[in-house]
Amino acid sequence: MMSKHSTYLEEYLEELLEIITIKDEYTKNHSDNVRAMAIELGPLLGIKSEYALDLLGRAAWLHDIGKIIVSKTILCKPSPLDASDLRVMNMHPLYGAELVRVDKRYGATISPIILYHHEWVDGSGQYGLFASEIPRFSRIISIVDAYDAMVSDRPYREPRTVEFIQSEFCRYSGSQFDRQILCTFFGMMGWHADCLCQMGPVDNRRQM
């Protein structure tokens, strides 16, 4: 049975999501979409246990919760973000990690997943983590997050075409995105993954 303390924490996270809904409905809908796709992709990657899938779903659902601290002016800007806006927006993984850390049941596990969901597997991300140094769930969320962002209609651009999305994933496979997870994602989408799976292994080792 869930304790009263856990219930309060669940309600706290729900309240954060409600605030996001009021502040920026796109972010809430995006989070719902990312959660659904992550849960669909997980079993194809061998994630079978109910606990692990629940954890993946929660992390995906909350991955952008840090945007609650970002101003609505930036979140809802009708044009592409400039360099100053991006510096603020790029803080949202850290903000989100801190917000969920208070949850004693999930916080310690979900917090780093949220913190690193924009890391690049080649080590060029904000925190410089390489490949498997990035939590696996972060690498999964990174892909479905990018997909939903590209396929979404935004005030400053129309939804990207399937051909564009595929080309972007192929272009950044092994640098931004985990190639093995990306191959599985392509399979889930019913896309040909020749541009990924015939490229050979990726060497993400640190260059000295």
N, C-alpha and C. Protein backbone atom coordinates (compact mmCIF):
# COMPACT_ATOMS: atom_id res chain seq x y z
N MET A 1 0.85 -1.19 0.00
CA MET A 1 0.00 0.00 0.00
C MET A 1 0.89 1.25 0.00
N MET A 2 0.52 2.25 -0.80
CA MET A 2 1.29 3.48 -0.86
C MET A 2 1.06 4.30 0.40
N SER A 3 2.14 4.81 0.98
CA SER A 3 2.04 5.60 2.19
C SER A 3 1.44 6.96 1.89
N LYS A 4 0.99 7.65 2.95
CA LYS A 4 0.47 9.00 2.77
C LYS A 4 1.54 9.91 2.20
N HIS A 5 2.81 9.67 2.66
CA HIS A 5 3.92 10.49 2.17
C HIS A 5 4.06 10.33 0.66
N SER A 6 4.00 9.08 0.17
CA SER A 6 4.11 8.83 -1.27
C SER A 6 2.96 9.48 -2.01
N THR A 7 1.76 9.40 -1.41
CA THR A 7 0.58 10.00 -2.04
C THR A 7 0.77 11.50 -2.21
N TYR A 8 1.29 12.15 -1.15
CA TYR A 8 1.53 13.59 -1.22
C TYR A 8 2.53 13.93 -2.34
N LEU A 9 3.57 13.08 -2.48
CA LEU A 9 4.56 13.32 -3.51
C LEU A 9 3.96 13.13 -4.90
N GLU A 10 3.11 12.11 -5.05
CA GLU A 10 2.42 11.90 -6.31
C GLU A 10 1.58 13.14 -6.64
N GLU A 11 0.88 13.65 -5.63
CA GLU A 11 0.05 14.83 -5.84
C GLU A 11 0.91 16.04 -6.20
N TYR A 12 2.09 16.14 -5.59
CA TYR A 12 3.02 17.23 -5.89
C TYR A 12 3.42 17.21 -7.36
N LEU A 13 3.77 16.02 -7.87
CA LEU A 13 4.17 15.89 -9.27
C LEU A 13 2.99 16.18 -10.20
N GLU A 14 1.81 15.72 -9.81
CA GLU A 14 0.61 15.99 -10.60
C GLU A 14 0.34 17.50 -10.67
N GLU A 15 0.56 18.18 -9.54
CA GLU A 15 0.34 19.62 -9.51
C GLU A 15 1.32 20.35 -10.43
N LEU A 16 2.56 19.88 -10.46
CA LEU A 16 3.54 20.47 -11.36
C LEU A 16 3.09 20.33 -12.81
N LEU A 17 2.58 19.15 -13.16
CA LEU A 17 2.11 18.92 -14.52
C LEU A 17 0.89 19.78 -14.84
N GLU A 18 0.05 20.00 -13.84
CA GLU A 18 -1.11 20.87 -14.06
C GLU A 18 -0.66 22.31 -14.32
N ILE A 19 0.36 22.75 -13.60
CA ILE A 19 0.88 24.10 -13.80
C ILE A 19 1.46 24.23 -15.21
N ILE A 20 2.18 23.19 -15.64
CA ILE A 20 2.73 23.19 -17.01
C ILE A 20 1.60 23.29 -18.02
N THR A 21 0.49 22.57 -17.78
CA THR A 21 -0.64 22.59 -18.70
C THR A 21 -1.20 24.00 -18.85
N ILE A 22 -1.30 24.69 -17.71
CA ILE A 22 -1.82 26.06 -17.74
C ILE A 22 -0.81 27.00 -18.42
N LYS A 23 0.46 26.79 -18.14
CA LYS A 23 1.50 27.69 -18.63
C LYS A 23 1.79 27.47 -20.12
N ASP A 24 1.82 26.19 -20.53
CA ASP A 24 2.16 25.87 -21.92
C ASP A 24 1.56 24.51 -22.27
N GLU A 25 0.40 24.53 -22.91
CA GLU A 25 -0.30 23.28 -23.21
C GLU A 25 0.52 22.39 -24.14
N TYR A 26 1.32 23.00 -25.02
CA TYR A 26 2.16 22.18 -25.91
C TYR A 26 3.08 21.27 -25.11
N THR A 27 3.74 21.82 -24.08
CA THR A 27 4.68 21.02 -23.28
C THR A 27 3.97 19.85 -22.62
N LYS A 28 2.76 20.06 -22.10
CA LYS A 28 1.99 18.97 -21.48
C LYS A 28 1.66 17.89 -22.51
N ASN A 29 1.14 18.30 -23.67
CA ASN A 29 0.80 17.32 -24.71
C ASN A 29 2.04 16.59 -25.21
N HIS A 30 3.12 17.33 -25.36
CA HIS A 30 4.39 16.74 -25.78
C HIS A 30 4.86 15.69 -24.76
N SER A 31 4.75 16.00 -23.48
CA SER A 31 5.17 15.06 -22.43
C SER A 31 4.32 13.80 -22.47
N ASP A 32 3.02 13.95 -22.71
CA ASP A 32 2.14 12.77 -22.83
C ASP A 32 2.57 11.90 -24.01
N ASN A 33 2.89 12.54 -25.13
CA ASN A 33 3.30 11.80 -26.32
C ASN A 33 4.63 11.07 -26.11
N VAL A 34 5.58 11.75 -25.49
CA VAL A 34 6.89 11.15 -25.23
C VAL A 34 6.75 9.95 -24.29
N ARG A 35 5.91 10.09 -23.29
CA ARG A 35 5.66 8.98 -22.37
C ARG A 35 5.10 7.77 -23.11
N ALA A 36 4.09 7.99 -23.94
CA ALA A 36 3.46 6.88 -24.66
C ALA A 36 4.46 6.18 -25.59
N MET A 37 5.27 6.94 -26.28
CA MET A 37 6.23 6.35 -27.22
C MET A 37 7.36 5.64 -26.49
N ALA A 38 7.79 6.19 -25.38
CA ALA A 38 8.85 5.54 -24.60
C ALA A 38 8.39 4.19 -24.08
N ILE A 39 7.15 4.13 -23.59
CA ILE A 39 6.61 2.87 -23.08
C ILE A 39 6.44 1.85 -24.21
N GLU A 40 6.12 2.32 -25.41
CA GLU A 40 6.01 1.42 -26.56
C GLU A 40 7.38 0.91 -26.99
N LEU A 41 8.38 1.77 -26.95
CA LEU A 41 9.72 1.41 -27.38
C LEU A 41 10.44 0.52 -26.37
N GLY A 42 10.19 0.75 -25.09
CA GLY A 42 10.90 0.03 -24.04
C GLY A 42 10.95 -1.49 -24.21
N PRO A 43 9.81 -2.16 -24.37
CA PRO A 43 9.83 -3.63 -24.50
C PRO A 43 10.63 -4.10 -25.72
N LEU A 44 10.67 -3.32 -26.77
CA LEU A 44 11.43 -3.69 -27.96
C LEU A 44 12.93 -3.65 -27.70
N LEU A 45 13.31 -2.95 -26.63
CA LEU A 45 14.71 -2.86 -26.22
C LEU A 45 15.02 -3.82 -25.08
N GLY A 46 14.07 -4.71 -24.78
CA GLY A 46 14.28 -5.71 -23.73
C GLY A 46 13.89 -5.25 -22.35
N ILE A 47 13.22 -4.10 -22.25
CA ILE A 47 12.76 -3.61 -20.95
C ILE A 47 11.39 -4.23 -20.70
N LYS A 48 11.32 -5.22 -19.85
CA LYS A 48 10.11 -6.02 -19.71
C LYS A 48 9.40 -5.85 -18.37
N SER A 49 10.16 -5.57 -17.29
CA SER A 49 9.54 -5.57 -15.97
C SER A 49 8.58 -4.40 -15.82
N GLU A 50 7.53 -4.63 -15.07
CA GLU A 50 6.52 -3.60 -14.85
C GLU A 50 7.13 -2.38 -14.17
N TYR A 51 8.03 -2.64 -13.20
CA TYR A 51 8.67 -1.53 -12.49
C TYR A 51 9.51 -0.68 -13.43
N ALA A 52 10.32 -1.33 -14.29
CA ALA A 52 11.20 -0.60 -15.19
C ALA A 52 10.40 0.22 -16.20
N LEU A 53 9.34 -0.36 -16.73
CA LEU A 53 8.51 0.36 -17.70
C LEU A 53 7.78 1.53 -17.03
N ASP A 54 7.35 1.32 -15.78
CA ASP A 54 6.71 2.40 -15.04
C ASP A 54 7.70 3.54 -14.81
N LEU A 55 8.93 3.18 -14.47
CA LEU A 55 9.97 4.17 -14.24
C LEU A 55 10.27 4.94 -15.52
N LEU A 56 10.40 4.22 -16.64
CA LEU A 56 10.65 4.86 -17.92
C LEU A 56 9.51 5.81 -18.28
N GLY A 57 8.28 5.35 -18.07
CA GLY A 57 7.12 6.19 -18.38
C GLY A 57 7.08 7.44 -17.54
N ARG A 58 7.37 7.31 -16.24
CA ARG A 58 7.36 8.48 -15.36
C ARG A 58 8.45 9.47 -15.76
N ALA A 59 9.64 8.95 -16.05
CA ALA A 59 10.74 9.84 -16.44
C ALA A 59 10.42 10.56 -17.75
N ALA A 60 9.83 9.84 -18.70
CA ALA A 60 9.45 10.45 -19.98
C ALA A 60 8.37 11.50 -19.77
N TRP A 61 7.43 11.19 -18.91
CA TRP A 61 6.31 12.10 -18.63
C TRP A 61 6.80 13.40 -17.99
N LEU A 62 7.86 13.28 -17.18
CA LEU A 62 8.36 14.43 -16.42
C LEU A 62 9.62 15.05 -17.02
N HIS A 63 10.03 14.58 -18.20
CA HIS A 63 11.35 14.99 -18.72
C HIS A 63 11.46 16.50 -18.93
N ASP A 64 10.36 17.16 -19.23
CA ASP A 64 10.39 18.61 -19.47
C ASP A 64 9.77 19.41 -18.32
N ILE A 65 9.61 18.80 -17.15
CA ILE A 65 8.94 19.47 -16.05
C ILE A 65 9.70 20.73 -15.61
N GLY A 66 11.00 20.76 -15.88
CA GLY A 66 11.80 21.92 -15.52
C GLY A 66 11.39 23.18 -16.26
N LYS A 67 10.63 23.02 -17.36
CA LYS A 67 10.17 24.19 -18.10
C LYS A 67 9.16 25.01 -17.30
N ILE A 68 8.71 24.46 -16.18
CA ILE A 68 7.81 25.21 -15.30
C ILE A 68 8.50 26.47 -14.77
N ILE A 69 9.83 26.44 -14.73
CA ILE A 69 10.60 27.57 -14.21
C ILE A 69 10.97 28.55 -15.33
N VAL A 70 10.88 28.11 -16.57
CA VAL A 70 11.19 28.97 -17.72
C VAL A 70 10.01 29.91 -17.98
N SER A 71 10.29 31.14 -18.31
CA SER A 71 9.23 32.12 -18.51
C SER A 71 8.33 31.73 -19.68
N LYS A 72 7.06 32.09 -19.56
CA LYS A 72 6.09 31.81 -20.61
C LYS A 72 6.45 32.55 -21.89
N THR A 73 7.10 33.68 -21.76
CA THR A 73 7.52 34.45 -22.93
C THR A 73 8.44 33.62 -23.82
N ILE A 74 9.34 32.86 -23.19
CA ILE A 74 10.25 32.00 -23.94
C ILE A 74 9.55 30.73 -24.40
N LEU A 75 8.78 30.11 -23.49
CA LEU A 75 8.10 28.85 -23.83
C LEU A 75 7.16 29.01 -25.02
N CYS A 76 6.47 30.11 -25.08
CA CYS A 76 5.44 30.32 -26.09
C CYS A 76 5.86 31.33 -27.16
N LYS A 77 7.13 31.56 -27.31
CA LYS A 77 7.62 32.51 -28.30
C LYS A 77 7.21 32.07 -29.70
N PRO A 78 6.64 32.96 -30.50
CA PRO A 78 6.13 32.57 -31.81
C PRO A 78 7.19 32.51 -32.90
N SER A 79 8.46 32.67 -32.51
CA SER A 79 9.56 32.60 -33.46
C SER A 79 10.67 31.75 -32.85
N PRO A 80 11.63 31.30 -33.66
CA PRO A 80 12.74 30.50 -33.11
C PRO A 80 13.45 31.24 -31.97
N LEU A 81 13.94 30.49 -31.00
CA LEU A 81 14.62 31.09 -29.85
C LEU A 81 15.98 31.63 -30.26
N ASP A 82 16.33 32.81 -29.71
CA ASP A 82 17.66 33.35 -29.96
C ASP A 82 18.65 32.78 -28.94
N ALA A 83 19.91 33.19 -29.04
CA ALA A 83 20.96 32.62 -28.18
C ALA A 83 20.67 32.84 -26.70
N SER A 84 20.15 34.01 -26.36
CA SER A 84 19.83 34.31 -24.96
C SER A 84 18.70 33.41 -24.46
N ASP A 85 17.66 33.24 -25.28
CA ASP A 85 16.55 32.36 -24.92
C ASP A 85 17.03 30.93 -24.73
N LEU A 86 17.91 30.49 -25.62
CA LEU A 86 18.39 29.11 -25.56
C LEU A 86 19.20 28.84 -24.30
N ARG A 87 19.95 29.85 -23.85
CA ARG A 87 20.70 29.66 -22.60
C ARG A 87 19.76 29.40 -21.43
N VAL A 88 18.64 30.08 -21.42
CA VAL A 88 17.64 29.87 -20.36
C VAL A 88 16.96 28.51 -20.56
N MET A 89 16.52 28.22 -21.78
CA MET A 89 15.83 26.98 -22.06
C MET A 89 16.70 25.76 -21.76
N ASN A 90 17.99 25.88 -22.02
CA ASN A 90 18.89 24.75 -21.81
C ASN A 90 19.08 24.40 -20.34
N MET A 91 18.55 25.22 -19.46
CA MET A 91 18.62 24.93 -18.03
C MET A 91 17.48 24.02 -17.58
N HIS A 92 16.49 23.78 -18.44
CA HIS A 92 15.31 23.05 -17.98
C HIS A 92 15.60 21.62 -17.51
N PRO A 93 16.59 20.89 -18.06
CA PRO A 93 16.87 19.57 -17.48
C PRO A 93 17.35 19.65 -16.02
N LEU A 94 18.17 20.64 -15.73
CA LEU A 94 18.65 20.82 -14.36
C LEU A 94 17.49 21.21 -13.44
N TYR A 95 16.66 22.14 -13.88
CA TYR A 95 15.51 22.54 -13.07
C TYR A 95 14.60 21.34 -12.80
N GLY A 96 14.35 20.54 -13.84
CA GLY A 96 13.48 19.38 -13.69
C GLY A 96 14.05 18.35 -12.74
N ALA A 97 15.35 18.10 -12.86
CA ALA A 97 16.01 17.14 -11.98
C ALA A 97 15.87 17.55 -10.52
N GLU A 98 16.01 18.85 -10.25
CA GLU A 98 15.89 19.34 -8.88
C GLU A 98 14.45 19.24 -8.38
N LEU A 99 13.49 19.50 -9.25
CA LEU A 99 12.09 19.44 -8.84
C LEU A 99 11.65 18.03 -8.44
N VAL A 100 12.12 17.02 -9.17
CA VAL A 100 11.66 15.65 -8.87
C VAL A 100 12.52 14.97 -7.81
N ARG A 101 13.65 15.57 -7.47
CA ARG A 101 14.56 14.94 -6.51
C ARG A 101 13.90 14.73 -5.14
N VAL A 102 12.89 15.55 -4.82
CA VAL A 102 12.25 15.45 -3.50
C VAL A 102 11.39 14.20 -3.36
N ASP A 103 11.04 13.56 -4.48
CA ASP A 103 10.22 12.36 -4.43
C ASP A 103 11.08 11.20 -3.92
N LYS A 104 10.81 10.74 -2.69
CA LYS A 104 11.65 9.73 -2.08
C LYS A 104 11.50 8.35 -2.73
N ARG A 105 10.40 8.14 -3.43
CA ARG A 105 10.18 6.84 -4.07
C ARG A 105 10.89 6.75 -5.41
N TYR A 106 10.84 7.80 -6.21
CA TYR A 106 11.38 7.76 -7.56
C TYR A 106 12.47 8.80 -7.82
N GLY A 107 12.54 9.82 -6.98
CA GLY A 107 13.39 10.97 -7.27
C GLY A 107 14.84 10.65 -7.56
N ALA A 108 15.45 9.81 -6.73
CA ALA A 108 16.87 9.52 -6.90
C ALA A 108 17.16 8.83 -8.22
N THR A 109 16.19 8.07 -8.73
CA THR A 109 16.38 7.35 -10.00
C THR A 109 15.99 8.21 -11.19
N ILE A 110 14.87 8.93 -11.09
CA ILE A 110 14.37 9.70 -12.22
C ILE A 110 15.16 10.98 -12.42
N SER A 111 15.66 11.57 -11.34
CA SER A 111 16.36 12.85 -11.44
C SER A 111 17.51 12.84 -12.46
N PRO A 112 18.43 11.85 -12.42
CA PRO A 112 19.51 11.86 -13.42
C PRO A 112 19.02 11.57 -14.84
N ILE A 113 17.93 10.80 -14.97
CA ILE A 113 17.37 10.55 -16.30
C ILE A 113 16.92 11.87 -16.93
N ILE A 114 16.25 12.69 -16.14
CA ILE A 114 15.80 13.99 -16.61
C ILE A 114 16.99 14.91 -16.88
N LEU A 115 17.95 14.91 -15.97
CA LEU A 115 19.10 15.81 -16.08
C LEU A 115 19.87 15.58 -17.38
N TYR A 116 19.98 14.32 -17.81
CA TYR A 116 20.85 13.99 -18.94
C TYR A 116 20.09 13.66 -20.23
N HIS A 117 18.81 14.01 -20.32
CA HIS A 117 18.07 13.58 -21.51
C HIS A 117 18.41 14.37 -22.77
N HIS A 118 19.23 15.42 -22.64
CA HIS A 118 19.70 16.13 -23.83
C HIS A 118 21.19 15.94 -24.07
N GLU A 119 21.81 15.00 -23.36
CA GLU A 119 23.22 14.72 -23.60
C GLU A 119 23.42 14.03 -24.96
N TRP A 120 24.56 14.26 -25.58
CA TRP A 120 24.91 13.62 -26.86
C TRP A 120 25.84 12.45 -26.58
N VAL A 121 25.64 11.34 -27.29
CA VAL A 121 26.42 10.13 -27.00
C VAL A 121 27.89 10.28 -27.38
N ASP A 122 28.24 11.31 -28.18
CA ASP A 122 29.65 11.51 -28.53
C ASP A 122 30.38 12.36 -27.50
N GLY A 123 29.69 12.73 -26.42
CA GLY A 123 30.33 13.47 -25.34
C GLY A 123 30.33 14.98 -25.51
N SER A 124 29.65 15.48 -26.55
CA SER A 124 29.67 16.92 -26.81
C SER A 124 28.51 17.66 -26.15
N GLY A 125 27.75 16.98 -25.28
CA GLY A 125 26.63 17.62 -24.61
C GLY A 125 27.05 18.51 -23.47
N GLN A 126 26.08 19.06 -22.77
CA GLN A 126 26.33 20.04 -21.72
C GLN A 126 27.20 19.49 -20.59
N TYR A 127 27.02 18.20 -20.27
CA TYR A 127 27.75 17.61 -19.14
C TYR A 127 28.90 16.71 -19.59
N GLY A 128 29.11 16.58 -20.88
CA GLY A 128 30.25 15.84 -21.39
C GLY A 128 30.22 14.35 -21.16
N LEU A 129 29.03 13.77 -20.96
CA LEU A 129 28.95 12.32 -20.77
C LEU A 129 29.02 11.60 -22.11
N PHE A 130 29.66 10.43 -22.11
CA PHE A 130 29.83 9.64 -23.33
C PHE A 130 28.97 8.38 -23.29
N ALA A 131 28.29 8.10 -24.37
CA ALA A 131 27.64 6.81 -24.62
C ALA A 131 26.96 6.25 -23.37
N SER A 132 27.46 5.11 -22.87
CA SER A 132 26.81 4.43 -21.75
C SER A 132 26.95 5.17 -20.43
N GLU A 133 27.74 6.24 -20.40
CA GLU A 133 27.76 7.09 -19.19
C GLU A 133 26.43 7.81 -19.03
N ILE A 134 25.72 7.99 -20.13
CA ILE A 134 24.39 8.59 -20.11
C ILE A 134 23.39 7.50 -19.74
N PRO A 135 22.51 7.71 -18.77
CA PRO A 135 21.53 6.68 -18.42
C PRO A 135 20.78 6.19 -19.66
N ARG A 136 20.57 4.88 -19.75
CA ARG A 136 19.91 4.31 -20.91
C ARG A 136 18.53 4.93 -21.14
N PHE A 137 17.79 5.17 -20.06
CA PHE A 137 16.46 5.75 -20.20
C PHE A 137 16.55 7.17 -20.75
N SER A 138 17.61 7.89 -20.43
CA SER A 138 17.81 9.23 -21.00
C SER A 138 18.01 9.12 -22.50
N ARG A 139 18.78 8.11 -22.93
CA ARG A 139 19.04 7.93 -24.37
C ARG A 139 17.77 7.54 -25.12
N ILE A 140 16.90 6.78 -24.47
CA ILE A 140 15.61 6.43 -25.09
C ILE A 140 14.74 7.68 -25.22
N ILE A 141 14.63 8.43 -24.13
CA ILE A 141 13.79 9.62 -24.12
C ILE A 141 14.30 10.65 -25.13
N SER A 142 15.60 10.76 -25.27
CA SER A 142 16.19 11.70 -26.22
C SER A 142 15.64 11.51 -27.63
N ILE A 143 15.48 10.26 -28.03
CA ILE A 143 15.03 9.95 -29.39
C ILE A 143 13.54 10.23 -29.57
N VAL A 144 12.72 9.74 -28.65
CA VAL A 144 11.28 9.96 -28.81
C VAL A 144 10.92 11.43 -28.57
N ASP A 145 11.69 12.11 -27.73
CA ASP A 145 11.53 13.54 -27.51
C ASP A 145 11.79 14.30 -28.82
N ALA A 146 12.89 13.98 -29.47
CA ALA A 146 13.24 14.64 -30.72
C ALA A 146 12.20 14.35 -31.81
N TYR A 147 11.74 13.10 -31.87
CA TYR A 147 10.73 12.75 -32.87
C TYR A 147 9.47 13.58 -32.67
N ASP A 148 8.95 13.62 -31.45
CA ASP A 148 7.69 14.33 -31.22
C ASP A 148 7.86 15.83 -31.45
N ALA A 149 9.02 16.36 -31.11
CA ALA A 149 9.27 17.78 -31.36
C ALA A 149 9.26 18.08 -32.86
N MET A 150 9.87 17.20 -33.65
CA MET A 150 9.93 17.44 -35.09
C MET A 150 8.58 17.27 -35.76
N VAL A 151 7.78 16.32 -35.27
CA VAL A 151 6.50 16.04 -35.93
C VAL A 151 5.41 17.02 -35.49
N SER A 152 5.69 17.82 -34.48
CA SER A 152 4.68 18.74 -33.93
C SER A 152 4.62 20.04 -34.73
N ASP A 153 3.43 20.59 -34.77
CA ASP A 153 3.20 21.89 -35.42
C ASP A 153 3.58 22.99 -34.44
N ARG A 154 4.48 23.88 -34.84
CA ARG A 154 4.93 24.96 -33.97
C ARG A 154 4.58 26.30 -34.61
N PRO A 155 4.46 27.36 -33.83
CA PRO A 155 4.07 28.66 -34.39
C PRO A 155 5.02 29.15 -35.48
N TYR A 156 6.30 28.77 -35.40
CA TYR A 156 7.30 29.26 -36.34
C TYR A 156 7.64 28.27 -37.46
N ARG A 157 7.01 27.08 -37.47
CA ARG A 157 7.24 26.13 -38.56
C ARG A 157 6.15 25.08 -38.59
N GLU A 158 5.99 24.45 -39.75
CA GLU A 158 5.04 23.35 -39.89
C GLU A 158 5.69 22.06 -39.41
N PRO A 159 4.89 21.02 -39.17
CA PRO A 159 5.48 19.72 -38.79
C PRO A 159 6.46 19.24 -39.86
N ARG A 160 7.55 18.62 -39.41
CA ARG A 160 8.54 18.09 -40.34
C ARG A 160 7.99 16.85 -41.04
N THR A 161 8.44 16.62 -42.25
CA THR A 161 8.02 15.43 -42.99
C THR A 161 8.75 14.20 -42.47
N VAL A 162 8.21 13.03 -42.77
CA VAL A 162 8.86 11.79 -42.37
C VAL A 162 10.26 11.71 -42.97
N GLU A 163 10.39 12.12 -44.23
CA GLU A 163 11.69 12.07 -44.90
C GLU A 163 12.71 12.96 -44.19
N PHE A 164 12.27 14.14 -43.77
CA PHE A 164 13.18 15.05 -43.05
C PHE A 164 13.59 14.43 -41.72
N ILE A 165 12.62 13.89 -40.98
CA ILE A 165 12.90 13.30 -39.67
C ILE A 165 13.89 12.14 -39.79
N GLN A 166 13.66 11.28 -40.77
CA GLN A 166 14.57 10.15 -40.98
C GLN A 166 15.98 10.64 -41.30
N SER A 167 16.08 11.65 -42.15
CA SER A 167 17.40 12.15 -42.54
C SER A 167 18.12 12.78 -41.35
N GLU A 168 17.38 13.48 -40.49
CA GLU A 168 17.99 14.08 -39.30
C GLU A 168 18.49 13.02 -38.34
N PHE A 169 17.69 11.98 -38.13
CA PHE A 169 18.13 10.90 -37.25
C PHE A 169 19.37 10.20 -37.81
N CYS A 170 19.38 9.97 -39.13
CA CYS A 170 20.55 9.34 -39.74
C CYS A 170 21.78 10.25 -39.62
N ARG A 171 21.56 11.53 -39.81
CA ARG A 171 22.66 12.49 -39.74
C ARG A 171 23.30 12.52 -38.36
N TYR A 172 22.48 12.44 -37.32
CA TYR A 172 22.98 12.57 -35.95
C TYR A 172 23.10 11.24 -35.21
N SER A 173 22.95 10.14 -35.94
CA SER A 173 23.15 8.82 -35.34
C SER A 173 24.61 8.64 -34.93
N GLY A 174 24.82 8.25 -33.69
CA GLY A 174 26.18 8.04 -33.21
C GLY A 174 26.84 9.29 -32.67
N SER A 175 26.22 10.45 -32.89
CA SER A 175 26.75 11.68 -32.31
C SER A 175 25.78 12.19 -31.25
N GLN A 176 24.57 12.54 -31.68
CA GLN A 176 23.56 12.96 -30.71
C GLN A 176 22.79 11.77 -30.15
N PHE A 177 22.50 10.80 -31.01
CA PHE A 177 21.60 9.71 -30.63
C PHE A 177 22.32 8.36 -30.60
N ASP A 178 21.88 7.52 -29.67
CA ASP A 178 22.38 6.15 -29.56
C ASP A 178 21.91 5.36 -30.78
N ARG A 179 22.87 4.86 -31.57
CA ARG A 179 22.52 4.21 -32.84
C ARG A 179 21.72 2.93 -32.64
N GLN A 180 22.06 2.13 -31.64
CA GLN A 180 21.34 0.88 -31.41
C GLN A 180 19.87 1.16 -31.06
N ILE A 181 19.64 2.10 -30.17
CA ILE A 181 18.27 2.45 -29.80
C ILE A 181 17.55 3.05 -31.00
N LEU A 182 18.26 3.84 -31.79
CA LEU A 182 17.66 4.46 -32.97
C LEU A 182 17.24 3.41 -33.99
N CYS A 183 18.05 2.37 -34.19
CA CYS A 183 17.68 1.28 -35.10
C CYS A 183 16.38 0.63 -34.65
N THR A 184 16.25 0.39 -33.35
CA THR A 184 15.03 -0.21 -32.81
C THR A 184 13.84 0.73 -32.99
N PHE A 185 14.07 2.02 -32.78
CA PHE A 185 13.01 3.01 -32.98
C PHE A 185 12.55 3.02 -34.43
N PHE A 186 13.49 2.97 -35.37
CA PHE A 186 13.12 2.92 -36.78
C PHE A 186 12.25 1.69 -37.06
N GLY A 187 12.62 0.56 -36.47
CA GLY A 187 11.82 -0.65 -36.65
C GLY A 187 10.42 -0.49 -36.10
N MET A 188 10.30 0.14 -34.94
CA MET A 188 8.99 0.37 -34.34
C MET A 188 8.13 1.25 -35.24
N MET A 189 8.75 2.20 -35.91
CA MET A 189 8.02 3.12 -36.77
C MET A 189 7.74 2.52 -38.15
N GLY A 190 8.31 1.34 -38.42
CA GLY A 190 8.14 0.72 -39.73
C GLY A 190 8.99 1.37 -40.80
N TRP A 191 10.10 2.00 -40.40
CA TRP A 191 11.00 2.67 -41.33
C TRP A 191 12.18 1.76 -41.65
N HIS A 192 12.72 1.89 -42.84
CA HIS A 192 13.96 1.19 -43.19
C HIS A 192 15.11 1.84 -42.43
N ALA A 193 15.94 1.01 -41.84
CA ALA A 193 17.04 1.53 -41.01
C ALA A 193 18.40 1.32 -41.66
N ASP A 194 18.42 1.19 -42.99
CA ASP A 194 19.69 0.93 -43.68
C ASP A 194 20.72 2.00 -43.40
N CYS A 195 20.27 3.25 -43.33
CA CYS A 195 21.22 4.35 -43.12
C CYS A 195 21.88 4.27 -41.75
N LEU A 196 21.28 3.51 -40.84
CA LEU A 196 21.81 3.38 -39.48
C LEU A 196 22.57 2.08 -39.29
N CYS A 197 21.90 0.98 -39.62
CA CYS A 197 22.40 -0.32 -39.23
C CYS A 197 23.53 -0.82 -40.11
N GLN A 198 23.78 -0.17 -41.24
CA GLN A 198 24.88 -0.56 -42.11
C GLN A 198 26.11 0.33 -41.92
N MET A 199 26.04 1.19 -40.93
CA MET A 199 27.14 2.14 -40.72
C MET A 199 28.24 1.57 -39.84
N GLY A 200 28.02 0.38 -39.28
CA GLY A 200 29.02 -0.21 -38.42
C GLY A 200 28.97 0.34 -37.01
N PRO A 201 29.81 -0.20 -36.12
CA PRO A 201 29.79 0.25 -34.72
C PRO A 201 30.31 1.67 -34.58
N VAL A 202 29.84 2.30 -33.53
CA VAL A 202 30.29 3.67 -33.23
C VAL A 202 31.33 3.63 -32.14
N ASP A 203 32.44 4.33 -32.36
CA ASP A 203 33.48 4.44 -31.35
C ASP A 203 33.28 5.73 -30.59
N ASN A 204 32.68 5.63 -29.39
CA ASN A 204 32.42 6.81 -28.58
C ASN A 204 33.49 7.03 -27.51
N ARG A 205 34.62 6.35 -27.66
CA ARG A 205 35.66 6.50 -26.64
C ARG A 205 36.22 7.92 -26.65
N ARG A 206 36.66 8.35 -25.48
CA ARG A 206 37.25 9.68 -25.38
C ARG A 206 38.52 9.74 -26.23
N GLN A 207 38.66 10.84 -26.94
CA GLN A 207 39.86 11.06 -27.75
C GLN A 207 40.87 11.84 -26.89
N MET A 208 42.05 11.28 -26.76
CA MET A 208 43.07 11.89 -25.91
C MET A 208 43.94 12.84 -26.75
